[in-house]
Protein backbone atom coordinates (compact mmCIF):
# COMPACT_ATOMS: atom_id res chain seq x y z
CA MET A 1 -0.18 -0.02 0.10
CA ASN A 2 1.17 3.46 -0.81
CA TYR A 3 0.30 6.37 1.38
CA ARG A 4 -0.10 10.07 0.86
CA ARG A 5 -0.34 13.01 3.00
CA LEU A 6 -3.71 14.27 3.69
CA GLY A 7 -3.45 17.91 3.52
CA LYS A 8 -2.26 20.11 6.65
CA THR A 9 -3.73 17.36 8.64
CA GLU A 10 -0.28 16.01 8.26
CA MET A 11 -1.98 12.50 8.43
CA LYS A 12 -0.24 9.85 6.01
CA VAL A 13 -3.15 8.20 5.03
CA SER A 14 -3.53 4.84 2.51
CA GLU A 15 -4.24 5.88 -0.91
CA ILE A 16 -6.89 3.35 -1.25
CA SER A 17 -9.03 3.43 1.71
CA LEU A 18 -12.42 2.30 2.49
CA GLY A 19 -15.68 3.96 2.54
CA THR A 20 -18.32 2.32 4.43
CA TRP A 21 -21.91 3.42 3.09
CA GLN A 22 -22.70 0.00 1.97
CA VAL A 23 -20.12 -1.85 4.09
CA GLY A 24 -23.07 -3.80 5.83
CA GLY A 25 -24.10 -5.90 2.88
CA GLY A 26 -24.99 -3.57 0.04
CA TRP A 27 -27.43 -0.76 -0.66
CA GLY A 28 -30.85 -1.55 0.30
CA GLY A 29 -30.13 -4.91 2.18
CA SER A 30 -30.49 -5.24 5.84
CA PHE A 31 -27.05 -4.60 7.85
CA ASP A 32 -25.26 -7.55 8.15
CA HIS A 33 -23.10 -7.23 11.26
CA ARG A 34 -20.88 -9.96 10.60
CA ALA A 35 -20.09 -9.05 6.75
CA ALA A 36 -19.04 -5.65 7.96
CA ASP A 37 -16.54 -6.68 10.88
CA GLN A 38 -14.98 -9.04 8.05
CA ILE A 39 -14.69 -6.35 5.60
CA ILE A 40 -13.36 -3.41 7.97
CA ASN A 41 -10.79 -5.86 9.37
CA ALA A 42 -9.90 -7.20 5.84
CA ALA A 43 -9.02 -3.66 4.92
CA ILE A 44 -6.98 -2.90 7.94
CA ASP A 45 -5.45 -6.48 7.08
CA SER A 46 -4.23 -4.95 3.80
CA GLY A 47 -2.57 -1.91 4.63
CA ILE A 48 -5.75 0.42 4.56
CA ASN A 49 -5.45 3.04 7.60
CA PHE A 50 -8.24 5.59 6.88
CA ILE A 51 -12.02 4.50 7.15
CA ASP A 52 -14.92 6.76 6.19
CA THR A 53 -18.01 6.60 7.73
CA ALA A 54 -21.14 8.73 8.51
CA ASP A 55 -23.92 9.02 11.25
CA VAL A 56 -26.56 8.38 8.79
CA TYR A 57 -25.16 5.06 7.13
CA ASP A 58 -27.62 2.62 8.28
CA ALA A 59 -28.74 4.73 11.01
CA GLY A 60 -25.62 4.67 13.03
CA LEU A 61 -24.78 1.09 12.56
CA SER A 62 -21.69 1.87 10.19
CA GLU A 63 -20.15 4.37 12.76
CA ALA A 64 -20.92 1.46 15.52
CA ALA A 65 -19.06 -1.64 13.21
CA VAL A 66 -15.95 0.46 12.57
CA GLY A 67 -15.90 1.53 16.32
CA LYS A 68 -16.32 -2.12 17.45
CA VAL A 69 -13.30 -3.37 15.18
CA LEU A 70 -10.96 -0.48 16.18
CA LYS A 71 -11.68 -1.49 19.50
CA ALA A 72 -10.01 -4.76 18.84
CA ARG A 73 -7.39 -3.60 16.59
CA LYS A 74 -3.84 -2.37 18.04
CA GLU A 75 -2.92 -0.14 14.64
CA LYS A 76 -3.58 3.74 14.32
CA ILE A 77 -6.27 3.65 11.86
CA PHE A 78 -7.59 7.16 11.07
CA VAL A 79 -11.49 7.62 11.46
CA ALA A 80 -13.49 10.09 9.23
CA THR A 81 -17.19 10.43 9.91
CA LYS A 82 -19.91 12.92 8.60
CA CYS A 83 -22.67 15.11 10.43
CA GLY A 84 -25.63 17.08 9.12
CA ARG A 85 -27.58 14.67 6.89
CA GLN A 86 -29.76 13.51 9.81
CA ILE A 87 -31.60 16.93 9.55
CA GLN A 88 -34.71 17.02 8.14
CA PRO A 89 -35.82 18.74 5.90
CA HIS A 90 -32.18 19.06 4.89
CA VAL A 91 -32.53 22.86 4.73
CA ASN A 92 -30.26 25.67 5.52
CA GLU A 93 -32.01 26.57 8.43
CA GLY A 94 -31.87 23.30 10.04
CA TYR A 95 -27.91 23.85 10.43
CA GLN A 96 -27.66 25.09 13.52
CA PRO A 97 -24.18 25.00 16.14
CA ASP A 98 -26.34 22.93 19.06
CA VAL A 99 -27.62 20.43 16.26
CA LEU A 100 -24.16 19.73 14.84
CA ARG A 101 -22.52 19.39 18.30
CA LYS A 102 -25.00 16.71 19.33
CA TYR A 103 -24.54 14.83 16.27
CA VAL A 104 -20.71 15.07 16.73
CA GLU A 105 -20.94 13.80 20.25
CA ASN A 106 -23.46 10.86 19.17
CA SER A 107 -20.83 9.70 16.47
CA LEU A 108 -17.95 9.48 19.41
CA LYS A 109 -20.06 7.31 21.42
CA ASN A 110 -21.11 5.25 18.24
CA LEU A 111 -17.29 5.02 17.56
CA GLN A 112 -16.36 4.42 21.11
CA LEU A 113 -13.62 7.13 20.47
CA GLU A 114 -12.67 10.27 22.45
CA THR A 115 -11.94 12.51 19.47
CA LEU A 116 -12.57 12.25 16.08
CA ASP A 117 -9.63 12.34 13.55
CA LEU A 118 -12.03 14.27 11.18
CA ILE A 119 -15.39 15.35 11.23
CA GLN A 120 -16.71 16.38 8.10
CA LEU A 121 -19.82 18.41 7.36
CA HIS A 122 -22.14 15.77 5.22
CA CYS A 123 -23.03 17.68 1.96
CA PRO A 124 -25.04 20.57 3.47
CA PRO A 125 -27.25 23.00 1.26
CA THR A 126 -24.87 25.47 -0.44
CA GLU A 127 -26.07 28.40 1.84
CA VAL A 128 -24.07 26.75 5.23
CA TYR A 129 -20.96 27.30 3.22
CA TYR A 130 -20.95 31.04 3.77
CA ARG A 131 -22.16 31.03 7.45
CA PRO A 132 -19.15 31.48 9.65
CA GLU A 133 -20.89 30.66 13.08
CA ILE A 134 -21.15 26.92 11.54
CA PHE A 135 -17.46 26.58 11.01
CA GLU A 136 -16.58 28.62 14.15
CA LEU A 137 -18.46 25.47 15.98
CA PHE A 138 -15.79 22.96 14.99
CA GLU A 139 -12.95 25.35 16.68
CA ARG A 140 -14.81 24.79 19.88
CA LEU A 141 -15.13 21.32 19.27
CA LYS A 142 -11.16 20.94 18.80
CA GLU A 143 -10.19 23.05 21.56
CA GLU A 144 -12.45 20.63 24.08
CA GLY A 145 -10.61 17.87 22.26
CA LYS A 146 -13.67 16.19 20.78
CA ILE A 147 -12.45 16.28 16.81
CA GLN A 148 -8.91 16.77 15.55
CA HIS A 149 -9.93 18.11 12.12
CA LEU A 150 -12.77 19.65 10.33
CA GLY A 151 -13.47 18.78 6.42
CA VAL A 152 -16.36 18.97 4.09
CA SER A 153 -18.17 16.66 1.93
CA VAL A 154 -19.68 18.35 -1.18
CA GLU A 155 -21.61 17.89 -4.13
CA LYS A 156 -20.88 20.83 -6.11
CA VAL A 157 -17.34 22.53 -7.05
CA GLU A 158 -18.87 25.88 -5.71
CA GLU A 159 -19.20 24.43 -2.63
CA ALA A 160 -15.89 23.13 -2.50
CA LYS A 161 -14.24 26.39 -3.35
CA ALA A 162 -16.70 28.09 -0.71
CA ALA A 163 -15.16 26.04 1.99
CA LEU A 164 -11.65 26.82 1.29
CA ALA A 165 -12.30 30.27 2.52
CA PHE A 166 -12.55 28.83 6.37
CA GLU A 167 -8.85 28.32 7.57
CA ASN A 168 -10.20 25.44 9.60
CA VAL A 169 -11.26 23.37 6.50
CA CYS A 170 -8.63 20.74 6.11
CA THR A 171 -10.38 18.59 3.62
CA VAL A 172 -12.73 18.07 0.99
CA GLN A 173 -14.24 15.08 0.15
CA ILE A 174 -15.61 15.40 -3.58
CA ILE A 175 -16.86 13.13 -6.34
CA PHE A 176 -14.21 12.60 -8.75
CA ASN A 177 -14.04 9.88 -11.40
CA MET A 178 -13.79 8.76 -14.99
CA PHE A 179 -17.46 10.56 -15.47
CA ARG A 180 -16.47 13.40 -13.44
CA LEU A 181 -13.75 15.71 -14.42
CA LYS A 182 -14.65 18.95 -13.33
CA PRO A 183 -12.84 18.99 -10.02
CA ALA A 184 -9.50 18.29 -11.62
CA THR A 185 -9.71 21.66 -13.86
CA GLU A 186 -11.26 24.04 -11.63
CA PHE A 187 -10.61 23.06 -8.11
CA PHE A 188 -7.70 20.99 -7.58
CA SER A 189 -5.05 23.72 -7.96
CA MET A 190 -6.91 25.78 -5.30
CA ALA A 191 -6.88 23.11 -3.12
CA LYS A 192 -3.19 22.44 -3.47
CA GLY A 193 -2.51 26.20 -2.89
CA LYS A 194 -4.55 26.10 0.46
CA ASP A 195 -3.05 22.57 1.46
CA CYS A 196 -6.19 20.99 1.69
CA GLY A 197 -6.35 17.24 1.55
CA ILE A 198 -8.75 15.85 -1.37
CA ILE A 199 -11.05 12.57 -0.76
CA ALA A 200 -12.22 11.36 -3.92
CA ARG A 201 -15.66 9.62 -3.37
CA VAL A 202 -18.10 7.79 -5.55
CA PRO A 203 -14.86 6.96 -7.51
CA LEU A 204 -16.75 4.19 -9.65
CA ALA A 205 -19.87 6.27 -10.21
CA SER A 206 -22.32 3.64 -8.24
CA GLY A 207 -20.82 0.92 -9.89
CA LEU A 208 -21.09 1.94 -13.23
CA LEU A 209 -17.08 2.14 -13.62
CA SER A 210 -16.91 -1.44 -12.42
CA GLY A 211 -17.79 -2.42 -15.91
CA LYS A 212 -20.17 -5.21 -14.76
CA ILE A 213 -23.33 -3.35 -14.74
CA LYS A 214 -25.52 -4.33 -17.85
CA ALA A 215 -28.90 -2.65 -19.18
CA SER A 216 -30.62 -5.48 -17.80
CA THR A 217 -29.39 -5.13 -14.25
CA THR A 218 -31.62 -4.84 -11.35
CA PHE A 219 -31.28 -3.40 -8.05
CA ASP A 220 -33.13 -3.93 -4.91
CA PRO A 221 -35.97 -1.62 -4.47
CA LYS A 222 -34.15 -0.04 -1.25
CA ASP A 223 -30.94 0.78 -3.49
CA HIS A 224 -30.49 4.54 -4.51
CA ARG A 225 -29.66 3.19 -7.81
CA THR A 226 -33.35 2.31 -8.30
CA PHE A 227 -35.07 5.01 -6.61
CA ASN A 228 -32.77 8.04 -6.61
CA ARG A 229 -31.80 8.49 -10.69
CA ASN A 230 -33.75 11.58 -10.91
CA GLY A 231 -32.75 13.17 -7.45
CA GLU A 232 -36.12 11.72 -5.88
CA ALA A 233 -34.31 11.55 -2.42
CA PHE A 234 -31.46 13.53 -2.57
CA ASP A 235 -29.10 14.86 -4.90
CA LYS A 236 -28.90 12.82 -8.19
CA GLY A 237 -25.22 13.43 -8.41
CA GLU A 238 -24.76 10.90 -5.71
CA THR A 239 -26.50 8.03 -7.84
CA PHE A 240 -24.21 7.13 -11.15
CA SER A 241 -22.66 10.15 -10.42
CA GLY A 242 -25.51 12.09 -11.93
CA VAL A 243 -24.80 10.35 -15.40
CA ASP A 244 -28.17 9.14 -17.25
CA PHE A 245 -28.11 5.33 -17.01
CA GLU A 246 -28.35 4.20 -20.64
CA LEU A 247 -25.84 7.01 -21.64
CA GLY A 248 -23.28 5.92 -18.85
CA LEU A 249 -23.37 2.25 -19.99
CA LYS A 250 -22.55 3.39 -23.67
CA ALA A 251 -19.75 5.67 -22.26
CA VAL A 252 -18.44 2.61 -20.20
CA GLU A 253 -18.45 0.33 -23.21
CA GLU A 254 -16.71 3.14 -25.34
CA LEU A 255 -13.83 3.46 -22.52
CA LYS A 256 -13.45 -0.46 -22.57
CA LYS A 257 -12.97 -0.53 -26.18
CA ARG A 258 -10.55 2.60 -26.52
CA LEU A 259 -8.49 1.63 -23.36
CA ASN A 260 -8.43 -2.12 -24.74
CA VAL A 261 -9.90 -3.62 -21.44
CA SER A 262 -12.20 -6.53 -20.99
CA ASP A 263 -12.39 -6.78 -17.38
CA ASN A 264 -10.87 -5.25 -13.96
CA LEU A 265 -12.35 -1.87 -15.06
CA ALA A 266 -12.91 -0.89 -11.45
CA ALA A 267 -9.36 -1.25 -10.69
CA ILE A 268 -8.23 0.60 -13.61
CA ALA A 269 -10.86 3.59 -12.77
CA LEU A 270 -9.37 3.72 -9.34
CA ARG A 271 -5.84 3.82 -11.07
CA TRP A 272 -6.96 6.75 -12.89
CA ILE A 273 -7.87 8.90 -10.00
CA LEU A 274 -4.49 8.21 -8.46
CA MET A 275 -2.80 9.66 -11.45
CA PHE A 276 -3.77 13.19 -10.03
CA PRO A 277 -1.23 13.82 -7.27
CA GLU A 278 -3.58 16.54 -5.31
CA VAL A 279 -6.13 13.29 -4.41
CA SER A 280 -4.78 12.16 -1.21
CA THR A 281 -7.24 9.14 -0.96
CA VAL A 282 -9.92 7.63 -2.75
CA ILE A 283 -12.60 5.83 -0.76
CA PRO A 284 -14.37 2.91 -2.65
CA GLY A 285 -16.92 1.02 -0.70
CA ALA A 286 -17.15 -2.68 -0.53
CA SER A 287 -19.58 -5.23 0.02
CA SER A 288 -17.15 -8.30 0.42
CA ILE A 289 -13.81 -9.15 1.05
CA ASP A 290 -13.09 -9.92 -2.52
CA GLN A 291 -14.12 -6.18 -3.43
CA VAL A 292 -11.56 -5.00 -0.84
CA LYS A 293 -8.87 -6.64 -2.37
CA ALA A 294 -9.56 -5.76 -5.85
CA ASN A 295 -9.75 -2.18 -4.76
CA ILE A 296 -6.53 -2.21 -3.41
CA GLY A 297 -5.12 -3.70 -6.20
CA ALA A 298 -5.77 -0.64 -8.09
CA SER A 299 -2.73 1.04 -6.16
CA GLU A 300 -0.13 -1.55 -7.93
CA LEU A 301 -1.28 -1.13 -11.47
CA PRO A 302 0.63 0.78 -13.89
CA HIS A 303 0.43 4.40 -14.27
CA PHE A 304 -1.88 5.78 -17.13
CA ASN A 305 0.05 6.71 -20.24
CA GLN A 306 -0.62 10.29 -21.71
CA TYR A 307 -2.75 8.37 -24.63
CA GLN A 308 -4.50 6.94 -21.90
CA MET A 309 -5.28 10.10 -19.99
CA GLN A 310 -6.70 11.59 -23.20
CA VAL A 311 -9.09 8.69 -24.19
CA VAL A 312 -10.84 9.30 -20.78
CA GLU A 313 -11.12 13.03 -21.44
CA ASP A 314 -12.12 12.35 -24.75
CA VAL A 315 -14.98 9.68 -23.94
CA TYR A 316 -16.17 12.42 -21.26
CA THR A 317 -16.30 15.10 -23.57
CA GLU A 318 -18.11 13.02 -26.28
CA TYR A 319 -20.85 11.23 -24.17
CA LEU A 320 -21.06 13.14 -20.79
CA LYS A 321 -19.86 16.59 -20.72
CA ASP A 322 -22.92 18.33 -22.25
CA SER A 323 -25.39 16.94 -19.82
CA ILE A 324 -23.32 17.00 -16.48
CA HIS A 325 -20.46 19.52 -16.50
CA SER A 326 -22.77 22.79 -15.54
CA LEU A 327 -24.49 20.96 -12.88
CA TRP A 328 -21.80 19.99 -10.34
């Protein structure tokens, strides 16, 4: 495993890490405590030392699963969680310092920790990024020893840029993959200038970039890939990176053809993200030990050459840019 510096946090984190949105058995299914335990342990056994979770993932069960494993391990594992998505309705007015403080304290209990390595605002409404009192709260929490660092998880490049105005924002978690190129051209250099760590999320576009999804593939009714394709429940950019499903499948086939890839597209898609030195870590999810191992294998793949990098840009421009580039 290779390790990279997570911005001004100074944490050295595994370049392939673990996201835990679906760690308990998959989107839509009931939470499988045994599977979660196996996946998290396998990740740590393989050299992963950074785990990303959130208080809303399976209503706190994901956090609890991470906390249980860490309690039994001796390695230093950096934990990042998120807060804010519990606010309903999820609007700017719901974001209040006392509300967010309570969420942080609950996460500490779920994770069985005395301090959080990284707490992140969880894709709040855009207006929140212009409210200094929200970011000031986390300075107080840091002084109290409840958190070490603050980050944000964003939907839009505009929000990522706005967050950089606050000096205590150490990391930005942003959707970045072969179907979402905008952050590289419009945000990465700004983040580098602020010494802000970049966490690449949704790296496989909800599985589209695994290359294994077909037009006939069906998903659990409770899977967001079934019910949120048009943003019915939350920002549609979270589902297939906002790409139209049928169009995304065509783009995947074109990537395979031009890159001469028949299988293992997922690992290649992760390797592509790692070509950007501004990225500190990528956090693919996993619903099995095999997926953990496959994700980690991306770190050892050959670097992309100039032609291959151009292929990704060309496919994006030809198939996707017109429909999604301006939205996020």
